[in-house]
Protein backbone atom coordinates (compact mmCIF):
# COMPACT_ATOMS: atom_id res chain seq x y z
CA MET A 1 104.67 107.15 81.12
CA ILE A 2 102.17 107.44 84.11
CA ASN A 3 98.64 106.16 83.73
CA ILE A 4 95.83 106.98 86.33
CA VAL A 5 92.69 105.06 86.15
CA PRO A 6 89.67 105.23 88.18
CA ILE A 7 88.37 101.79 89.39
CA VAL A 8 85.19 100.60 91.10
CA ILE A 9 85.69 97.50 93.46
CA GLU A 10 82.46 96.14 95.21
CA GLY A 11 81.09 99.74 94.99
CA ILE A 12 84.01 101.67 96.34
CA ASN A 13 85.97 103.93 94.04
CA VAL A 14 89.63 103.60 93.97
CA THR A 15 92.73 104.91 91.95
CA GLY A 16 94.97 102.89 90.10
CA VAL A 17 98.36 104.38 89.11
CA GLU A 18 100.83 102.68 86.69
CA VAL A 19 104.39 104.05 86.05
CA LYS A 20 106.25 102.57 83.37
CA LEU A 21 110.09 102.66 83.91
CA PRO A 22 112.80 101.34 81.72
CA LYS A 23 113.39 98.07 83.38
CA THR A 24 109.95 97.70 85.19
CA THR A 25 106.58 98.75 85.96
CA LEU A 26 105.32 100.06 89.27
CA LEU A 27 101.69 99.65 90.05
CA THR A 28 99.60 100.91 93.11
CA ILE A 29 95.86 100.76 93.93
CA ASN A 30 94.78 103.74 96.19
CA THR A 31 91.90 103.32 98.56
CA PRO A 32 90.24 105.62 101.09
CA LYS A 33 91.97 103.50 103.79
CA GLY A 34 95.43 103.07 102.28
CA TYR A 35 97.17 101.35 99.35
CA ILE A 36 98.40 98.22 97.71
CA MET A 37 101.64 98.53 95.87
CA CYS A 38 103.87 96.54 93.47
CA GLY A 39 107.36 97.99 93.38
CA ALA A 40 110.80 97.45 92.56
CA HIS A 41 114.10 97.54 94.52
CA ASN A 42 117.66 98.57 93.27
CA MET A 43 116.32 100.05 89.96
């Protein structure tokens, strides 16, 4: 399942993306300048 959520951080609109996988969950926060990601290796 994939969830996409709009978030406001200090007045800036960003996008949160959550991808649920069988053994883990991947998260990203996407901003106008780049992104922050929590990922998994060797899934």
